[in-house]
Amino acid sequence: MSHEALPIDRVRFSEALESLPVDALYAKVAELRNNMDHLRYSNEQMVPFADEGDQDCKDAMYENLVVISRMNERIQLLRAEVEKRGMTWSEADVQTRQVSENMVNGYSAPTIQTQPSQPQSGHLTDEQLRAQLEARLAQDTQDDQEEEGLHL
């Protein structure tokens, strides 16, 4: 993520949703989930390098998790907007749109199943790295919420 461009805050994002038609809301969810799939795939590709101690890969993986978390938050805001309009949120609609968008873009999210590697001296397994990154993300999210006075 560029340090020069900051993501739109949740309030402005929510306000922007109010003027969009429901189809556009579902399309945005599909777009976000597609982007999240790409970030997860990227993280999977970096695991071997992070296991070897590449700090840049570890940092990039952490940053991807932060972005994924932000995207999940936006999906919840999209859902809230749909429900605010008195409509029922339908995961089937979201999945249908995501499949359609992936077909148009020629992308099929890769299914990656990793086997936990045996820990080597000074190296983290995939699961250990994920656990550390998620713990760090959770702590940073909690710190951000305390600083901004955001209480959910």
C-alpha atoms as a PDB file:
ATOM      1  CA  MET A   1       0.000   0.000   0.000  1.00  0.00           C
ATOM      2  CA  SER A   2       1.271   3.430  -0.842  1.00  0.00           C
ATOM      3  CA  HIS A   3       2.056   5.590   2.138  1.00  0.00           C
ATOM      4  CA  GLU A   4       0.970   8.589   0.099  1.00  0.00           C
ATOM      5  CA  ALA A   5      -2.635   7.517  -0.486  1.00  0.00           C
ATOM      6  CA  LEU A   6      -4.797   6.729   2.499  1.00  0.00           C
ATOM      7  CA  PRO A   7      -7.912   4.576   2.149  1.00  0.00           C
ATOM      8  CA  ILE A   8     -11.298   6.236   2.439  1.00  0.00           C
ATOM      9  CA  ASP A   9     -12.541   6.143   6.024  1.00  0.00           C
ATOM     10  CA  ARG A  10     -15.550   4.039   6.988  1.00  0.00           C
ATOM     11  CA  VAL A  11     -17.883   7.027   7.436  1.00  0.00           C
ATOM     12  CA  ARG A  12     -17.219   8.407   3.948  1.00  0.00           C
ATOM     13  CA  PHE A  13     -17.445   4.908   2.496  1.00  0.00           C
ATOM     14  CA  SER A  14     -20.849   4.380   4.153  1.00  0.00           C
ATOM     15  CA  GLU A  15     -22.088   7.754   2.925  1.00  0.00           C
ATOM     16  CA  ALA A  16     -21.012   6.927  -0.627  1.00  0.00           C
ATOM     17  CA  LEU A  17     -23.015   3.684  -0.533  1.00  0.00           C
ATOM     18  CA  GLU A  18     -26.285   5.522   0.059  1.00  0.00           C
ATOM     19  CA  SER A  19     -26.481   6.736  -3.530  1.00  0.00           C
ATOM     20  CA  LEU A  20     -25.684   3.390  -5.158  1.00  0.00           C
ATOM     21  CA  PRO A  21     -28.299   0.960  -6.472  1.00  0.00           C
ATOM     22  CA  VAL A  22     -28.483  -2.446  -4.790  1.00  0.00           C
ATOM     23  CA  ASP A  23     -26.928  -4.150  -7.818  1.00  0.00           C
ATOM     24  CA  ALA A  24     -23.885  -1.934  -7.445  1.00  0.00           C
ATOM     25  CA  LEU A  25     -23.625  -2.808  -3.744  1.00  0.00           C
ATOM     26  CA  TYR A  26     -23.558  -6.526  -4.505  1.00  0.00           C
ATOM     27  CA  ALA A  27     -21.090  -5.939  -7.345  1.00  0.00           C
ATOM     28  CA  LYS A  28     -18.812  -4.074  -4.938  1.00  0.00           C
ATOM     29  CA  VAL A  29     -18.906  -7.018  -2.532  1.00  0.00           C
ATOM     30  CA  ALA A  30     -17.934  -9.355  -5.361  1.00  0.00           C
ATOM     31  CA  GLU A  31     -15.092  -7.010  -6.326  1.00  0.00           C
ATOM     32  CA  LEU A  32     -13.825  -6.829  -2.748  1.00  0.00           C
ATOM     33  CA  ARG A  33     -13.925 -10.593  -2.338  1.00  0.00           C
ATOM     34  CA  ASN A  34     -12.072 -11.049  -5.609  1.00  0.00           C
ATOM     35  CA  ASN A  35      -9.402  -8.621  -4.414  1.00  0.00           C
ATOM     36  CA  MET A  36      -9.190 -10.465  -1.101  1.00  0.00           C
ATOM     37  CA  ASP A  37      -8.667 -13.749  -2.968  1.00  0.00           C
ATOM     38  CA  HIS A  38      -5.766 -12.156  -4.849  1.00  0.00           C
ATOM     39  CA  LEU A  39      -4.204 -10.904  -1.602  1.00  0.00           C
ATOM     40  CA  ARG A  40      -4.566 -14.319   0.044  1.00  0.00           C
ATOM     41  CA  TYR A  41      -3.009 -15.964  -2.997  1.00  0.00           C
ATOM     42  CA  SER A  42      -0.154 -13.470  -2.856  1.00  0.00           C
ATOM     43  CA  ASN A  43       0.397 -14.277   0.811  1.00  0.00           C
ATOM     44  CA  GLU A  44       0.470 -18.003   0.037  1.00  0.00           C
ATOM     45  CA  GLN A  45       3.127 -17.366  -2.603  1.00  0.00           C
ATOM     46  CA  MET A  46       5.282 -15.421  -0.127  1.00  0.00           C
ATOM     47  CA  VAL A  47       5.170 -17.992   2.680  1.00  0.00           C
ATOM     48  CA  PRO A  48       8.322 -19.889   1.601  1.00  0.00           C
ATOM     49  CA  PHE A  49      10.303 -16.659   1.447  1.00  0.00           C
ATOM     50  CA  ALA A  50       8.973 -15.466   4.781  1.00  0.00           C
ATOM     51  CA  ASP A  51       9.846 -18.864   6.254  1.00  0.00           C
ATOM     52  CA  GLU A  52      13.397 -18.256   5.092  1.00  0.00           C
ATOM     53  CA  GLY A  53      13.466 -14.994   7.030  1.00  0.00           C
ATOM     54  CA  ASP A  54      12.656 -12.469   4.296  1.00  0.00           C
ATOM     55  CA  GLN A  55      11.403  -9.545   6.358  1.00  0.00           C
ATOM     56  CA  ASP A  56      10.047  -7.727   3.305  1.00  0.00           C
ATOM     57  CA  CYS A  57       7.778 -10.696   2.579  1.00  0.00           C
ATOM     58  CA  LYS A  58       6.651 -10.864   6.189  1.00  0.00           C
ATOM     59  CA  ASP A  59       5.871  -7.145   6.131  1.00  0.00           C
ATOM     60  CA  ALA A  60       4.014  -7.468   2.827  1.00  0.00           C
ATOM     61  CA  MET A  61       2.016 -10.415   4.171  1.00  0.00           C
ATOM     62  CA  TYR A  62       1.091  -8.423   7.256  1.00  0.00           C
ATOM     63  CA  GLU A  63       0.082  -5.444   5.136  1.00  0.00           C
ATOM     64  CA  ASN A  64      -2.082  -7.746   2.973  1.00  0.00           C
ATOM     65  CA  LEU A  65      -3.830  -8.995   6.119  1.00  0.00           C
ATOM     66  CA  VAL A  66      -4.500  -5.397   7.165  1.00  0.00           C
ATOM     67  CA  VAL A  67      -6.026  -4.674   3.763  1.00  0.00           C
ATOM     68  CA  ILE A  68      -8.091  -7.881   3.888  1.00  0.00           C
ATOM     69  CA  SER A  69      -9.392  -6.850   7.290  1.00  0.00           C
ATOM     70  CA  ARG A  70     -10.360  -3.428   5.925  1.00  0.00           C
ATOM     71  CA  MET A  71     -12.108  -5.087   2.985  1.00  0.00           C
ATOM     72  CA  ASN A  72     -14.046  -7.366   5.351  1.00  0.00           C
ATOM     73  CA  GLU A  73     -15.148  -4.267   7.243  1.00  0.00           C
ATOM     74  CA  ARG A  74     -16.352  -2.711   4.005  1.00  0.00           C
ATOM     75  CA  ILE A  75     -18.312  -5.832   3.150  1.00  0.00           C
ATOM     76  CA  GLN A  76     -20.065  -5.486   6.509  1.00  0.00           C
ATOM     77  CA  LEU A  77     -20.847  -1.842   5.681  1.00  0.00           C
ATOM     78  CA  LEU A  78     -22.264  -2.928   2.318  1.00  0.00           C
ATOM     79  CA  ARG A  79     -24.396  -5.535   4.048  1.00  0.00           C
ATOM     80  CA  ALA A  80     -25.621  -2.944   6.540  1.00  0.00           C
ATOM     81  CA  GLU A  81     -26.604  -0.642   3.661  1.00  0.00           C
ATOM     82  CA  VAL A  82     -28.584  -3.409   1.938  1.00  0.00           C
ATOM     83  CA  GLU A  83     -30.369  -4.252   5.193  1.00  0.00           C
ATOM     84  CA  LYS A  84     -30.948  -0.549   5.966  1.00  0.00           C
ATOM     85  CA  ARG A  85     -32.967  -0.416   2.763  1.00  0.00           C
ATOM     86  CA  GLY A  86     -35.242  -3.111   4.155  1.00  0.00           C
ATOM     87  CA  MET A  87     -33.836  -5.872   1.985  1.00  0.00           C
ATOM     88  CA  THR A  88     -32.481  -9.228   3.006  1.00  0.00           C
ATOM     89  CA  TRP A  89     -28.767  -9.804   2.582  1.00  0.00           C
ATOM     90  CA  SER A  90     -28.231 -12.778   0.328  1.00  0.00           C
ATOM     91  CA  GLU A  91     -24.876 -14.535   0.248  1.00  0.00           C
ATOM     92  CA  ALA A  92     -26.182 -16.453  -2.769  1.00  0.00           C
ATOM     93  CA  ASP A  93     -26.504 -13.158  -4.665  1.00  0.00           C
ATOM     94  CA  VAL A  94     -22.987 -12.172  -3.653  1.00  0.00           C
ATOM     95  CA  GLN A  95     -21.536 -15.516  -4.716  1.00  0.00           C
ATOM     96  CA  THR A  96     -23.400 -15.481  -8.016  1.00  0.00           C
ATOM     97  CA  ARG A  97     -22.079 -12.017  -8.787  1.00  0.00           C
ATOM     98  CA  GLN A  98     -18.555 -13.009  -7.743  1.00  0.00           C
ATOM     99  CA  VAL A  99     -18.575 -16.016 -10.064  1.00  0.00           C
ATOM    100  CA  SER A 100     -19.899 -13.831 -12.900  1.00  0.00           C
ATOM    101  CA  GLU A 101     -17.255 -11.165 -12.301  1.00  0.00           C
ATOM    102  CA  ASN A 102     -14.472 -13.748 -12.143  1.00  0.00           C
ATOM    103  CA  MET A 103     -15.621 -15.227 -15.442  1.00  0.00           C
ATOM    104  CA  VAL A 104     -15.648 -11.784 -17.079  1.00  0.00           C
ATOM    105  CA  ASN A 105     -12.185 -11.013 -15.724  1.00  0.00           C
ATOM    106  CA  GLY A 106     -10.858 -14.443 -16.660  1.00  0.00           C
ATOM    107  CA  TYR A 107      -9.860 -15.107 -13.073  1.00  0.00           C
ATOM    108  CA  SER A 108     -10.598 -18.113 -11.004  1.00  0.00           C
ATOM    109  CA  ALA A 109      -9.431 -17.872  -7.433  1.00  0.00           C
ATOM    110  CA  PRO A 110      -6.794 -20.512  -6.888  1.00  0.00           C
ATOM    111  CA  THR A 111      -7.487 -23.135  -4.312  1.00  0.00           C
ATOM    112  CA  ILE A 112      -4.323 -23.590  -2.366  1.00  0.00           C
ATOM    113  CA  GLN A 113      -3.917 -26.162   0.311  1.00  0.00           C
ATOM    114  CA  THR A 114      -0.671 -25.921   2.154  1.00  0.00           C
ATOM    115  CA  GLN A 115       0.780 -28.543   4.366  1.00  0.00           C
ATOM    116  CA  PRO A 116       2.358 -27.213   7.531  1.00  0.00           C
ATOM    117  CA  SER A 117       6.088 -27.514   7.092  1.00  0.00           C
ATOM    118  CA  GLN A 118       8.239 -28.926   9.784  1.00  0.00           C
ATOM    119  CA  PRO A 119       9.820 -26.150  11.793  1.00  0.00           C
ATOM    120  CA  GLN A 120      13.480 -25.728  11.039  1.00  0.00           C
ATOM    121  CA  SER A 121      15.917 -24.068  13.325  1.00  0.00           C
ATOM    122  CA  GLY A 122      15.044 -20.365  13.448  1.00  0.00           C
ATOM    123  CA  HIS A 123      12.159 -20.718  10.992  1.00  0.00           C
ATOM    124  CA  LEU A 124       8.430 -20.395  11.471  1.00  0.00           C
ATOM    125  CA  THR A 125       5.928 -22.836  10.043  1.00  0.00           C
ATOM    126  CA  ASP A 126       3.173 -21.412   7.851  1.00  0.00           C
ATOM    127  CA  GLU A 127       0.706 -21.720  10.707  1.00  0.00           C
ATOM    128  CA  GLN A 128       3.058 -20.043  13.178  1.00  0.00           C
ATOM    129  CA  LEU A 129       3.615 -17.147  10.783  1.00  0.00           C
ATOM    130  CA  ARG A 130      -0.122 -16.782  10.165  1.00  0.00           C
ATOM    131  CA  ALA A 131      -0.820 -16.862  13.902  1.00  0.00           C
ATOM    132  CA  GLN A 132       1.788 -14.168  14.551  1.00  0.00           C
ATOM    133  CA  LEU A 133       0.498 -11.988  11.715  1.00  0.00           C
ATOM    134  CA  GLU A 134      -3.106 -12.349  12.848  1.00  0.00           C
ATOM    135  CA  ALA A 135      -2.168 -11.562  16.444  1.00  0.00           C
ATOM    136  CA  ARG A 136      -0.257  -8.492  15.273  1.00  0.00           C
ATOM    137  CA  LEU A 137      -3.197  -7.439  13.108  1.00  0.00           C
ATOM    138  CA  ALA A 138      -5.635  -7.910  15.972  1.00  0.00           C
ATOM    139  CA  GLN A 139      -3.434  -5.836  18.284  1.00  0.00           C
ATOM    140  CA  ASP A 140      -3.023  -3.061  15.697  1.00  0.00           C
ATOM    141  CA  THR A 141      -6.773  -3.035  15.053  1.00  0.00           C
ATOM    142  CA  GLN A 142      -7.455  -2.814  18.783  1.00  0.00           C
ATOM    143  CA  ASP A 143      -4.912  -0.008  19.143  1.00  0.00           C
ATOM    144  CA  ASP A 144      -6.498   1.881  16.217  1.00  0.00           C
ATOM    145  CA  GLN A 145      -9.962   1.523  17.695  1.00  0.00           C
ATOM    146  CA  GLU A 146      -8.824   2.760  21.090  1.00  0.00           C
ATOM    147  CA  GLU A 147      -7.082   5.750  19.530  1.00  0.00           C
ATOM    148  CA  GLU A 148     -10.034   6.713  17.344  1.00  0.00           C
ATOM    149  CA  GLY A 149     -12.593   6.068  20.047  1.00  0.00           C
ATOM    150  CA  LEU A 150     -14.328   3.520  17.869  1.00  0.00           C
ATOM    151  CA  HIS A 151     -16.437   1.152  19.926  1.00  0.00           C
ATOM    152  CA  LEU A 152     -18.293  -1.669  18.269  1.00  0.00           C
END
